[in-house]
Amino acid sequence: MRSCASIDNHSRLRLNLAISRLGGKPMYVCICNGISDRAIREAAEAGCDTVAEMTMRTGAVACCGSCRDLVAEIIRDVQTCKALELPVLAHAA
């Protein structure tokens, strides 16, 4: 008989997040408060750069905290995208 410890309830989170980034359906990150990845991404783009700030602005992570790692990953993803400077096309002309 298999133990419950071998069940991976988070195996689809990364796939769902990737689909959502491509403009697919929004994915709920915080089930307790009904917060989607899009809401977290928008708040991060607006300047929330820590999980604590995200909790105050969106309510994510405020209840059980099981979404903390995914919220932090989305924040890092947005910060990484902001840090990447794209070449200015005006210099090409």
PDB file of N, CA and C in Angstrom:
ATOM      1  N   MET A   1       0.835  -1.186   0.000  1.00  0.00           N
ATOM      2  CA  MET A   1       0.000   0.000   0.000  1.00  0.00           C
ATOM      3  C   MET A   1       0.883   1.254   0.000  1.00  0.00           C
ATOM      4  N   ARG A   2       0.553   2.222  -0.822  1.00  0.00           N
ATOM      5  CA  ARG A   2       1.337   3.454  -0.937  1.00  0.00           C
ATOM      6  C   ARG A   2       0.967   4.419   0.169  1.00  0.00           C
ATOM      7  N   SER A   3       1.952   5.130   0.650  1.00  0.00           N
ATOM      8  CA  SER A   3       1.679   6.121   1.688  1.00  0.00           C
ATOM      9  C   SER A   3       1.263   7.433   1.046  1.00  0.00           C
ATOM     10  N   CYS A   4       0.596   8.245   1.818  1.00  0.00           N
ATOM     11  CA  CYS A   4       0.147   9.550   1.318  1.00  0.00           C
ATOM     12  C   CYS A   4       1.324  10.480   1.039  1.00  0.00           C
ATOM     13  N   ALA A   5       2.466  10.210   1.647  1.00  0.00           N
ATOM     14  CA  ALA A   5       3.641  11.063   1.456  1.00  0.00           C
ATOM     15  C   ALA A   5       4.157  11.023   0.022  1.00  0.00           C
ATOM     16  N   SER A   6       3.795   9.991  -0.735  1.00  0.00           N
ATOM     17  CA  SER A   6       4.291   9.895  -2.103  1.00  0.00           C
ATOM     18  C   SER A   6       3.431  10.650  -3.111  1.00  0.00           C
ATOM     19  N   ILE A   7       2.330  11.198  -2.671  1.00  0.00           N
ATOM     20  CA  ILE A   7       1.443  11.946  -3.565  1.00  0.00           C
ATOM     21  C   ILE A   7       1.970  13.366  -3.715  1.00  0.00           C
ATOM     22  N   ASP A   8       2.100  13.805  -4.949  1.00  0.00           N
ATOM     23  CA  ASP A   8       2.597  15.155  -5.233  1.00  0.00           C
ATOM     24  C   ASP A   8       1.426  16.007  -5.701  1.00  0.00           C
ATOM     25  N   ASN A   9       0.861  16.785  -4.806  1.00  0.00           N
ATOM     26  CA  ASN A   9      -0.274  17.628  -5.156  1.00  0.00           C
ATOM     27  C   ASN A   9       0.118  18.865  -5.935  1.00  0.00           C
ATOM     28  N   HIS A  10       1.402  19.163  -6.019  1.00  0.00           N
ATOM     29  CA  HIS A  10       1.858  20.382  -6.680  1.00  0.00           C
ATOM     30  C   HIS A  10       2.499  20.124  -8.035  1.00  0.00           C
ATOM     31  N   SER A  11       2.387  18.921  -8.547  1.00  0.00           N
ATOM     32  CA  SER A  11       3.085  18.581  -9.781  1.00  0.00           C
ATOM     33  C   SER A  11       2.599  19.379 -10.979  1.00  0.00           C
ATOM     34  N   ARG A  12       1.404  19.912 -10.947  1.00  0.00           N
ATOM     35  CA  ARG A  12       0.872  20.651 -12.086  1.00  0.00           C
ATOM     36  C   ARG A  12       1.043  22.155 -11.957  1.00  0.00           C
ATOM     37  N   LEU A  13       1.496  22.631 -10.816  1.00  0.00           N
ATOM     38  CA  LEU A  13       1.598  24.075 -10.606  1.00  0.00           C
ATOM     39  C   LEU A  13       2.499  24.742 -11.633  1.00  0.00           C
ATOM     40  N   ARG A  14       3.667  24.189 -11.888  1.00  0.00           N
ATOM     41  CA  ARG A  14       4.604  24.799 -12.836  1.00  0.00           C
ATOM     42  C   ARG A  14       4.019  24.808 -14.246  1.00  0.00           C
ATOM     43  N   LEU A  15       3.375  23.708 -14.644  1.00  0.00           N
ATOM     44  CA  LEU A  15       2.758  23.634 -15.967  1.00  0.00           C
ATOM     45  C   LEU A  15       1.638  24.654 -16.094  1.00  0.00           C
ATOM     46  N   ASN A  16       0.788  24.751 -15.090  1.00  0.00           N
ATOM     47  CA  ASN A  16      -0.312  25.714 -15.127  1.00  0.00           C
ATOM     48  C   ASN A  16       0.201  27.149 -15.169  1.00  0.00           C
ATOM     49  N   LEU A  17       1.267  27.424 -14.431  1.00  0.00           N
ATOM     50  CA  LEU A  17       1.846  28.766 -14.434  1.00  0.00           C
ATOM     51  C   LEU A  17       2.407  29.096 -15.813  1.00  0.00           C
ATOM     52  N   ALA A  18       3.059  28.134 -16.447  1.00  0.00           N
ATOM     53  CA  ALA A  18       3.598  28.353 -17.791  1.00  0.00           C
ATOM     54  C   ALA A  18       2.484  28.623 -18.797  1.00  0.00           C
ATOM     55  N   ILE A  19       1.398  27.888 -18.708  1.00  0.00           N
ATOM     56  CA  ILE A  19       0.255  28.093 -19.603  1.00  0.00           C
ATOM     57  C   ILE A  19      -0.346  29.476 -19.378  1.00  0.00           C
ATOM     58  N   SER A  20      -0.452  29.877 -18.122  1.00  0.00           N
ATOM     59  CA  SER A  20      -1.017  31.188 -17.802  1.00  0.00           C
ATOM     60  C   SER A  20      -0.147  32.315 -18.342  1.00  0.00           C
ATOM     61  N   ARG A  21       1.175  32.158 -18.280  1.00  0.00           N
ATOM     62  CA  ARG A  21       2.093  33.179 -18.800  1.00  0.00           C
ATOM     63  C   ARG A  21       1.917  33.378 -20.293  1.00  0.00           C
ATOM     64  N   LEU A  22       1.495  32.347 -20.978  1.00  0.00           N
ATOM     65  CA  LEU A  22       1.304  32.428 -22.422  1.00  0.00           C
ATOM     66  C   LEU A  22      -0.050  33.005 -22.799  1.00  0.00           C
ATOM     67  N   GLY A  23      -0.788  33.508 -21.826  1.00  0.00           N
ATOM     68  CA  GLY A  23      -2.072  34.134 -22.105  1.00  0.00           C
ATOM     69  C   GLY A  23      -3.251  33.188 -21.983  1.00  0.00           C
ATOM     70  N   GLY A  24      -3.023  32.038 -21.378  1.00  0.00           N
ATOM     71  CA  GLY A  24      -4.097  31.075 -21.176  1.00  0.00           C
ATOM     72  C   GLY A  24      -5.012  31.513 -20.051  1.00  0.00           C
ATOM     73  N   LYS A  25      -5.761  30.568 -19.565  1.00  0.00           N
ATOM     74  CA  LYS A  25      -6.690  30.849 -18.471  1.00  0.00           C
ATOM     75  C   LYS A  25      -5.920  31.197 -17.207  1.00  0.00           C
ATOM     76  N   PRO A  26      -6.484  32.083 -16.386  1.00  0.00           N
ATOM     77  CA  PRO A  26      -5.799  32.407 -15.131  1.00  0.00           C
ATOM     78  C   PRO A  26      -5.784  31.196 -14.203  1.00  0.00           C
ATOM     79  N   MET A  27      -4.739  31.113 -13.404  1.00  0.00           N
ATOM     80  CA  MET A  27      -4.601  30.017 -12.450  1.00  0.00           C
ATOM     81  C   MET A  27      -4.729  30.593 -11.047  1.00  0.00           C
ATOM     82  N   TYR A  28      -5.520  29.934 -10.211  1.00  0.00           N
ATOM     83  CA  TYR A  28      -5.614  30.361  -8.820  1.00  0.00           C
ATOM     84  C   TYR A  28      -4.345  29.960  -8.102  1.00  0.00           C
ATOM     85  N   VAL A  29      -3.698  30.941  -7.497  1.00  0.00           N
ATOM     86  CA  VAL A  29      -2.502  30.701  -6.716  1.00  0.00           C
ATOM     87  C   VAL A  29      -2.890  30.545  -5.254  1.00  0.00           C
ATOM     88  N   CYS A  30      -3.742  31.424  -4.770  1.00  0.00           N
ATOM     89  CA  CYS A  30      -4.218  31.382  -3.387  1.00  0.00           C
ATOM     90  C   CYS A  30      -5.683  30.947  -3.418  1.00  0.00           C
ATOM     91  N   ILE A  31      -5.902  29.691  -3.103  1.00  0.00           N
ATOM     92  CA  ILE A  31      -7.263  29.153  -3.110  1.00  0.00           C
ATOM     93  C   ILE A  31      -8.077  29.750  -1.965  1.00  0.00           C
ATOM     94  N   CYS A  32      -7.439  29.969  -0.822  1.00  0.00           N
ATOM     95  CA  CYS A  32      -8.149  30.488   0.363  1.00  0.00           C
ATOM     96  C   CYS A  32      -8.850  31.814   0.075  1.00  0.00           C
ATOM     97  N   ASN A  33      -8.166  32.701  -0.665  1.00  0.00           N
ATOM     98  CA  ASN A  33      -8.705  34.035  -0.922  1.00  0.00           C
ATOM     99  C   ASN A  33      -9.070  34.274  -2.379  1.00  0.00           C
ATOM    100  N   GLY A  34      -8.946  33.256  -3.217  1.00  0.00           N
ATOM    101  CA  GLY A  34      -9.334  33.383  -4.617  1.00  0.00           C
ATOM    102  C   GLY A  34      -8.468  34.341  -5.412  1.00  0.00           C
ATOM    103  N   ILE A  35      -7.159  34.321  -5.178  1.00  0.00           N
ATOM    104  CA  ILE A  35      -6.239  35.233  -5.856  1.00  0.00           C
ATOM    105  C   ILE A  35      -5.583  34.495  -7.025  1.00  0.00           C
ATOM    106  N   SER A  36      -5.675  35.070  -8.212  1.00  0.00           N
ATOM    107  CA  SER A  36      -5.111  34.430  -9.407  1.00  0.00           C
ATOM    108  C   SER A  36      -3.673  34.874  -9.634  1.00  0.00           C
ATOM    109  N   ASP A  37      -2.998  34.134 -10.506  1.00  0.00           N
ATOM    110  CA  ASP A  37      -1.619  34.490 -10.855  1.00  0.00           C
ATOM    111  C   ASP A  37      -1.572  35.838 -11.554  1.00  0.00           C
ATOM    112  N   ARG A  38      -2.607  36.162 -12.297  1.00  0.00           N
ATOM    113  CA  ARG A  38      -2.636  37.464 -12.987  1.00  0.00           C
ATOM    114  C   ARG A  38      -2.693  38.609 -11.997  1.00  0.00           C
ATOM    115  N   ALA A  39      -3.490  38.456 -10.933  1.00  0.00           N
ATOM    116  CA  ALA A  39      -3.582  39.508  -9.912  1.00  0.00           C
ATOM    117  C   ALA A  39      -2.233  39.691  -9.224  1.00  0.00           C
ATOM    118  N   ILE A  40      -1.552  38.601  -8.959  1.00  0.00           N
ATOM    119  CA  ILE A  40      -0.238  38.680  -8.320  1.00  0.00           C
ATOM    120  C   ILE A  40       0.777  39.298  -9.276  1.00  0.00           C
ATOM    121  N   ARG A  41       0.735  38.903 -10.528  1.00  0.00           N
ATOM    122  CA  ARG A  41       1.656  39.455 -11.527  1.00  0.00           C
ATOM    123  C   ARG A  41       1.422  40.965 -11.694  1.00  0.00           C
ATOM    124  N   GLU A  42       0.154  41.396 -11.753  1.00  0.00           N
ATOM    125  CA  GLU A  42      -0.156  42.825 -11.891  1.00  0.00           C
ATOM    126  C   GLU A  42       0.345  43.612 -10.690  1.00  0.00           C
ATOM    127  N   ALA A  43       0.160  43.061  -9.488  1.00  0.00           N
ATOM    128  CA  ALA A  43       0.636  43.749  -8.287  1.00  0.00           C
ATOM    129  C   ALA A  43       2.159  43.825  -8.275  1.00  0.00           C
ATOM    130  N   ALA A  44       2.817  42.766  -8.727  1.00  0.00           N
ATOM    131  CA  ALA A  44       4.282  42.772  -8.788  1.00  0.00           C
ATOM    132  C   ALA A  44       4.771  43.791  -9.810  1.00  0.00           C
ATOM    133  N   GLU A  45       4.095  43.880 -10.933  1.00  0.00           N
ATOM    134  CA  GLU A  45       4.466  44.867 -11.946  1.00  0.00           C
ATOM    135  C   GLU A  45       4.230  46.290 -11.450  1.00  0.00           C
ATOM    136  N   ALA A  46       3.275  46.450 -10.529  1.00  0.00           N
ATOM    137  CA  ALA A  46       2.973  47.769  -9.967  1.00  0.00           C
ATOM    138  C   ALA A  46       3.910  48.144  -8.820  1.00  0.00           C
ATOM    139  N   GLY A  47       4.808  47.217  -8.432  1.00  0.00           N
ATOM    140  CA  GLY A  47       5.799  47.581  -7.428  1.00  0.00           C
ATOM    141  C   GLY A  47       5.887  46.696  -6.204  1.00  0.00           C
ATOM    142  N   CYS A  48       4.986  45.752  -6.020  1.00  0.00           N
ATOM    143  CA  CYS A  48       5.106  44.821  -4.885  1.00  0.00           C
ATOM    144  C   CYS A  48       6.288  43.908  -5.141  1.00  0.00           C
ATOM    145  N   ASP A  49       7.313  44.007  -4.295  1.00  0.00           N
ATOM    146  CA  ASP A  49       8.489  43.184  -4.558  1.00  0.00           C
ATOM    147  C   ASP A  49       8.835  42.228  -3.428  1.00  0.00           C
ATOM    148  N   THR A  50       7.960  42.091  -2.451  1.00  0.00           N
ATOM    149  CA  THR A  50       8.148  41.090  -1.396  1.00  0.00           C
ATOM    150  C   THR A  50       6.831  40.365  -1.161  1.00  0.00           C
ATOM    151  N   VAL A  51       6.937  39.195  -0.551  1.00  0.00           N
ATOM    152  CA  VAL A  51       5.730  38.423  -0.241  1.00  0.00           C
ATOM    153  C   VAL A  51       4.875  39.170   0.776  1.00  0.00           C
ATOM    154  N   ALA A  52       5.510  39.845   1.729  1.00  0.00           N
ATOM    155  CA  ALA A  52       4.756  40.605   2.735  1.00  0.00           C
ATOM    156  C   ALA A  52       3.932  41.721   2.086  1.00  0.00           C
ATOM    157  N   GLU A  53       4.537  42.448   1.155  1.00  0.00           N
ATOM    158  CA  GLU A  53       3.791  43.498   0.443  1.00  0.00           C
ATOM    159  C   GLU A  53       2.651  42.891  -0.376  1.00  0.00           C
ATOM    160  N   MET A  54       2.925  41.754  -1.001  1.00  0.00           N
ATOM    161  CA  MET A  54       1.901  41.089  -1.803  1.00  0.00           C
ATOM    162  C   MET A  54       0.731  40.665  -0.930  1.00  0.00           C
ATOM    163  N   THR A  55       1.017  40.203   0.281  1.00  0.00           N
ATOM    164  CA  THR A  55      -0.037  39.805   1.211  1.00  0.00           C
ATOM    165  C   THR A  55      -0.897  41.004   1.583  1.00  0.00           C
ATOM    166  N   MET A  56      -0.257  42.129   1.842  1.00  0.00           N
ATOM    167  CA  MET A  56      -1.016  43.325   2.208  1.00  0.00           C
ATOM    168  C   MET A  56      -1.863  43.827   1.052  1.00  0.00           C
ATOM    169  N   ARG A  57      -1.347  43.754  -0.174  1.00  0.00           N
ATOM    170  CA  ARG A  57      -2.070  44.293  -1.322  1.00  0.00           C
ATOM    171  C   ARG A  57      -3.148  43.356  -1.846  1.00  0.00           C
ATOM    172  N   THR A  58      -2.853  42.044  -1.918  1.00  0.00           N
ATOM    173  CA  THR A  58      -3.789  41.116  -2.553  1.00  0.00           C
ATOM    174  C   THR A  58      -4.489  40.173  -1.585  1.00  0.00           C
ATOM    175  N   GLY A  59      -3.905  39.929  -0.438  1.00  0.00           N
ATOM    176  CA  GLY A  59      -4.464  38.967   0.507  1.00  0.00           C
ATOM    177  C   GLY A  59      -3.908  37.563   0.332  1.00  0.00           C
ATOM    178  N   ALA A  60      -3.089  37.354  -0.697  1.00  0.00           N
ATOM    179  CA  ALA A  60      -2.474  36.038  -0.901  1.00  0.00           C
ATOM    180  C   ALA A  60      -1.541  35.728   0.265  1.00  0.00           C
ATOM    181  N   VAL A  61      -1.429  34.495   0.638  1.00  0.00           N
ATOM    182  CA  VAL A  61      -0.565  33.978   1.697  1.00  0.00           C
ATOM    183  C   VAL A  61      -1.110  34.295   3.096  1.00  0.00           C
ATOM    184  N   ALA A  62      -2.198  35.019   3.211  1.00  0.00           N
ATOM    185  CA  ALA A  62      -2.687  35.461   4.506  1.00  0.00           C
ATOM    186  C   ALA A  62      -3.308  34.345   5.344  1.00  0.00           C
ATOM    187  N   CYS A  63      -3.836  33.319   4.716  1.00  0.00           N
ATOM    188  CA  CYS A  63      -4.513  32.264   5.490  1.00  0.00           C
ATOM    189  C   CYS A  63      -3.569  31.113   5.821  1.00  0.00           C
ATOM    190  N   CYS A  64      -3.505  30.131   4.964  1.00  0.00           N
ATOM    191  CA  CYS A  64      -2.744  28.911   5.278  1.00  0.00           C
ATOM    192  C   CYS A  64      -1.279  29.012   4.899  1.00  0.00           C
ATOM    193  N   GLY A  65      -0.931  29.863   3.945  1.00  0.00           N
ATOM    194  CA  GLY A  65       0.458  30.047   3.557  1.00  0.00           C
ATOM    195  C   GLY A  65       1.002  29.034   2.570  1.00  0.00           C
ATOM    196  N   SER A  66       0.167  28.108   2.099  1.00  0.00           N
ATOM    197  CA  SER A  66       0.678  27.089   1.174  1.00  0.00           C
ATOM    198  C   SER A  66       1.042  27.666  -0.191  1.00  0.00           C
ATOM    199  N   CYS A  67       0.604  28.877  -0.497  1.00  0.00           N
ATOM    200  CA  CYS A  67       0.905  29.498  -1.790  1.00  0.00           C
ATOM    201  C   CYS A  67       2.151  30.380  -1.727  1.00  0.00           C
ATOM    202  N   ARG A  68       2.793  30.457  -0.576  1.00  0.00           N
ATOM    203  CA  ARG A  68       3.933  31.364  -0.378  1.00  0.00           C
ATOM    204  C   ARG A  68       5.030  31.157  -1.424  1.00  0.00           C
ATOM    205  N   ASP A  69       5.426  29.921  -1.672  1.00  0.00           N
ATOM    206  CA  ASP A  69       6.513  29.655  -2.618  1.00  0.00           C
ATOM    207  C   ASP A  69       6.152  30.077  -4.039  1.00  0.00           C
ATOM    208  N   LEU A  70       4.913  29.817  -4.453  1.00  0.00           N
ATOM    209  CA  LEU A  70       4.500  30.185  -5.805  1.00  0.00           C
ATOM    210  C   LEU A  70       4.387  31.703  -5.945  1.00  0.00           C
ATOM    211  N   VAL A  71       3.893  32.379  -4.914  1.00  0.00           N
ATOM    212  CA  VAL A  71       3.827  33.849  -4.935  1.00  0.00           C
ATOM    213  C   VAL A  71       5.239  34.422  -5.061  1.00  0.00           C
ATOM    214  N   ALA A  72       6.173  33.882  -4.287  1.00  0.00           N
ATOM    215  CA  ALA A  72       7.563  34.351  -4.367  1.00  0.00           C
ATOM    216  C   ALA A  72       8.151  34.099  -5.744  1.00  0.00           C
ATOM    217  N   GLU A  73       7.821  32.962  -6.344  1.00  0.00           N
ATOM    218  CA  GLU A  73       8.330  32.656  -7.684  1.00  0.00           C
ATOM    219  C   GLU A  73       7.782  33.635  -8.726  1.00  0.00           C
ATOM    220  N   ILE A  74       6.514  33.987  -8.628  1.00  0.00           N
ATOM    221  CA  ILE A  74       5.927  34.946  -9.571  1.00  0.00           C
ATOM    222  C   ILE A  74       6.580  36.314  -9.405  1.00  0.00           C
ATOM    223  N   ILE A  75       6.809  36.720  -8.166  1.00  0.00           N
ATOM    224  CA  ILE A  75       7.475  38.000  -7.915  1.00  0.00           C
ATOM    225  C   ILE A  75       8.869  37.998  -8.530  1.00  0.00           C
ATOM    226  N   ARG A  76       9.632  36.912  -8.323  1.00  0.00           N
ATOM    227  CA  ARG A  76      10.978  36.813  -8.916  1.00  0.00           C
ATOM    228  C   ARG A  76      10.914  36.846 -10.439  1.00  0.00           C
ATOM    229  N   ASP A  77       9.909  36.183 -11.002  1.00  0.00           N
ATOM    230  CA  ASP A  77       9.753  36.158 -12.454  1.00  0.00           C
ATOM    231  C   ASP A  77       9.521  37.565 -13.002  1.00  0.00           C
ATOM    232  N   VAL A  78       8.662  38.324 -12.351  1.00  0.00           N
ATOM    233  CA  VAL A  78       8.370  39.694 -12.791  1.00  0.00           C
ATOM    234  C   VAL A  78       9.610  40.571 -12.626  1.00  0.00           C
ATOM    235  N   GLN A  79      10.321  40.416 -11.515  1.00  0.00           N
ATOM    236  CA  GLN A  79      11.535  41.207 -11.293  1.00  0.00           C
ATOM    237  C   GLN A  79      12.603  40.878 -12.328  1.00  0.00           C
ATOM    238  N   THR A  80      12.705  39.602 -12.702  1.00  0.00           N
ATOM    239  CA  THR A  80      13.668  39.203 -13.720  1.00  0.00           C
ATOM    240  C   THR A  80      13.335  39.829 -15.059  1.00  0.00           C
ATOM    241  N   CYS A  81      12.052  39.843 -15.401  1.00  0.00           N
ATOM    242  CA  CYS A  81      11.636  40.449 -16.667  1.00  0.00           C
ATOM    243  C   CYS A  81      11.894  41.947 -16.681  1.00  0.00           C
ATOM    244  N   LYS A  82      11.701  42.605 -15.530  1.00  0.00           N
ATOM    245  CA  LYS A  82      11.972  44.039 -15.444  1.00  0.00           C
ATOM    246  C   LYS A  82      13.467  44.320 -15.578  1.00  0.00           C
ATOM    247  N   ALA A  83      14.295  43.418 -15.050  1.00  0.00           N
ATOM    248  CA  ALA A  83      15.740  43.627 -15.051  1.00  0.00           C
ATOM    249  C   ALA A  83      16.351  43.457 -16.435  1.00  0.00           C
ATOM    250  N   LEU A  84      15.695  42.699 -17.287  1.00  0.00           N
ATOM    251  CA  LEU A  84      16.215  42.477 -18.642  1.00  0.00           C
ATOM    252  C   LEU A  84      15.971  43.716 -19.478  1.00  0.00           C
ATOM    253  N   GLU A  85      17.008  44.332 -19.902  1.00  0.00           N
ATOM    254  CA  GLU A  85      16.884  45.515 -20.740  1.00  0.00           C
ATOM    255  C   GLU A  85      16.869  45.082 -22.197  1.00  0.00           C
ATOM    256  N   LEU A  86      15.875  45.479 -22.920  1.00  0.00           N
ATOM    257  CA  LEU A  86      15.811  45.185 -24.341  1.00  0.00           C
ATOM    258  C   LEU A  86      16.554  46.268 -25.106  1.00  0.00           C
ATOM    259  N   PRO A  87      17.197  45.912 -26.193  1.00  0.00           N
ATOM    260  CA  PRO A  87      17.925  46.932 -26.949  1.00  0.00           C
ATOM    261  C   PRO A  87      16.952  47.989 -27.494  1.00  0.00           C
ATOM    262  N   VAL A  88      17.392  49.191 -27.463  1.00  0.00           N
ATOM    263  CA  VAL A  88      16.582  50.304 -27.944  1.00  0.00           C
ATOM    264  C   VAL A  88      16.612  50.303 -29.470  1.00  0.00           C
ATOM    265  N   LEU A  89      15.447  50.282 -30.072  1.00  0.00           N
ATOM    266  CA  LEU A  89      15.368  50.212 -31.527  1.00  0.00           C
ATOM    267  C   LEU A  89      15.803  51.510 -32.207  1.00  0.00           C
ATOM    268  N   ALA A  90      15.806  52.601 -31.479  1.00  0.00           N
ATOM    269  CA  ALA A  90      16.214  53.869 -32.067  1.00  0.00           C
ATOM    270  C   ALA A  90      17.681  53.838 -32.491  1.00  0.00           C
ATOM    271  N   HIS A  91      18.474  53.056 -31.790  1.00  0.00           N
ATOM    272  CA  HIS A  91      19.892  52.962 -32.157  1.00  0.00           C
ATOM    273  C   HIS A  91      20.086  52.185 -33.455  1.00  0.00           C
ATOM    274  N   ALA A  92      19.113  51.401 -33.851  1.00  0.00           N
ATOM    275  CA  ALA A  92      19.230  50.589 -35.072  1.00  0.00           C
ATOM    276  C   ALA A  92      19.028  51.452 -36.319  1.00  0.00           C
ATOM    277  N   ALA A  93      18.366  52.577 -36.178  1.00  0.00           N
ATOM    278  CA  ALA A  93      18.050  53.397 -37.336  1.00  0.00           C
ATOM    279  C   ALA A  93      19.230  54.187 -37.832  1.00  0.00           C
TER     280      ALA A  93
END
